[in-house]
Amino acid sequence: MKEIFVLVGLGFLSFVSLTQQATAAKLNALYPLYNYPNWYAPESYIWNEIGSASKDINITTIINPDNGPGLIGSPNIDYHQGLTDLAKGSANIIGYVSTNYGNRDINDVKADILKYNRDFNTENYTVTGIFFDEVSISSDSSFLNYYRKLYDFVKNSADTPTLDFVVFNHGTNAPEIYLNWADVNVIYEGSFSNWYTYTPDSYISNYPLDRLGSLVYSAEGVTDMQAALDLARDRNIGYAFVTDDSHPNPWDKLPSYWNEEVNYMSMTSVPTPSAIYLSGTWLIMILFKKMKIKECFASI
């Protein structure tokens, strides 16, 4: 009779995923509030919510009444109410000014700056800086001089005493020299899907976290939002905003996960996977002829 050899495996496997709390930089919110302050419609009014959130995180809010500060009569009564609600927290309020990639007449740009300084400064609120949009990425000396003059005008002119904060929005990577003339340089504005493949210039790792900014839209759900903010931290970008809103105006309403975003930005430690361990015991039974049993245990 031939020997009979049978291998029977009995046992269990368990996977244990461990996480650890990784130290994380506390992010600042850079909120493009391109939304009309309809305080008379509480169900859709958001300015008070942003003001309230600014008690928990540092929020710099960009207001944009009319592709800039607006004409005579701006700010109107609705903007007065909205700005008052923003200021009830500790939001830093800055004004939108277009530069058309360095092609807009510099005197028109300065006129917008002066209007923010003059007309958006009351006992209830103060616009304290300028968000320059459509900023060039050219290294040509004429463009560099254009933006240097605007920076100096905001920071050092006797005509702009309430203004002391400058943000450049390039929307993409820009020459390092532009960091000389802005407090924050926004080097990404785009969709969540493109944010994953975006590669920042290597020089940004040489600067403090709060010198760079990113604006991300079309991030669906809390998981995408947290992933986008984690990428900002990893890329040394300290001013950020993420929304699930999309074009034509991705900045006209609160993200559906606004409260979760405020909480996540305020965290100084975030959970990160550290390891996955495989554990278990297998019982191996080897049966020989005449049913003589040997038991062999192996642990892994």
Foldseek 3Di string as FASTA:
>chain_A
DDKDKDKDKDKDKDKDWDKDWAFFDQFEAEAEAAAFQPVVDVVAGCLLVQLVLCQQHAYAYEYEPDQFQDDPCPPDPSVVVSQLSNVVHPYAYAYEHECQQVPDDLVVRVVRLLCLQPPVDDPRHHHAEYEYENHHQDPDPSSVVSLQVVLCCQCPDPSRVRYHAYEYENQAEHDPVCLVRHQAYEHHEEELVVLVVHDYDPCLVVDALDRYEYEYELQPDPVSLLVSVVSSRVNSHRYYDYANADPPDSRHGAHPCNVVNSVSSSDRIDMDTDDMDMWMKMWIWIAIPPRDIDTDIDTD
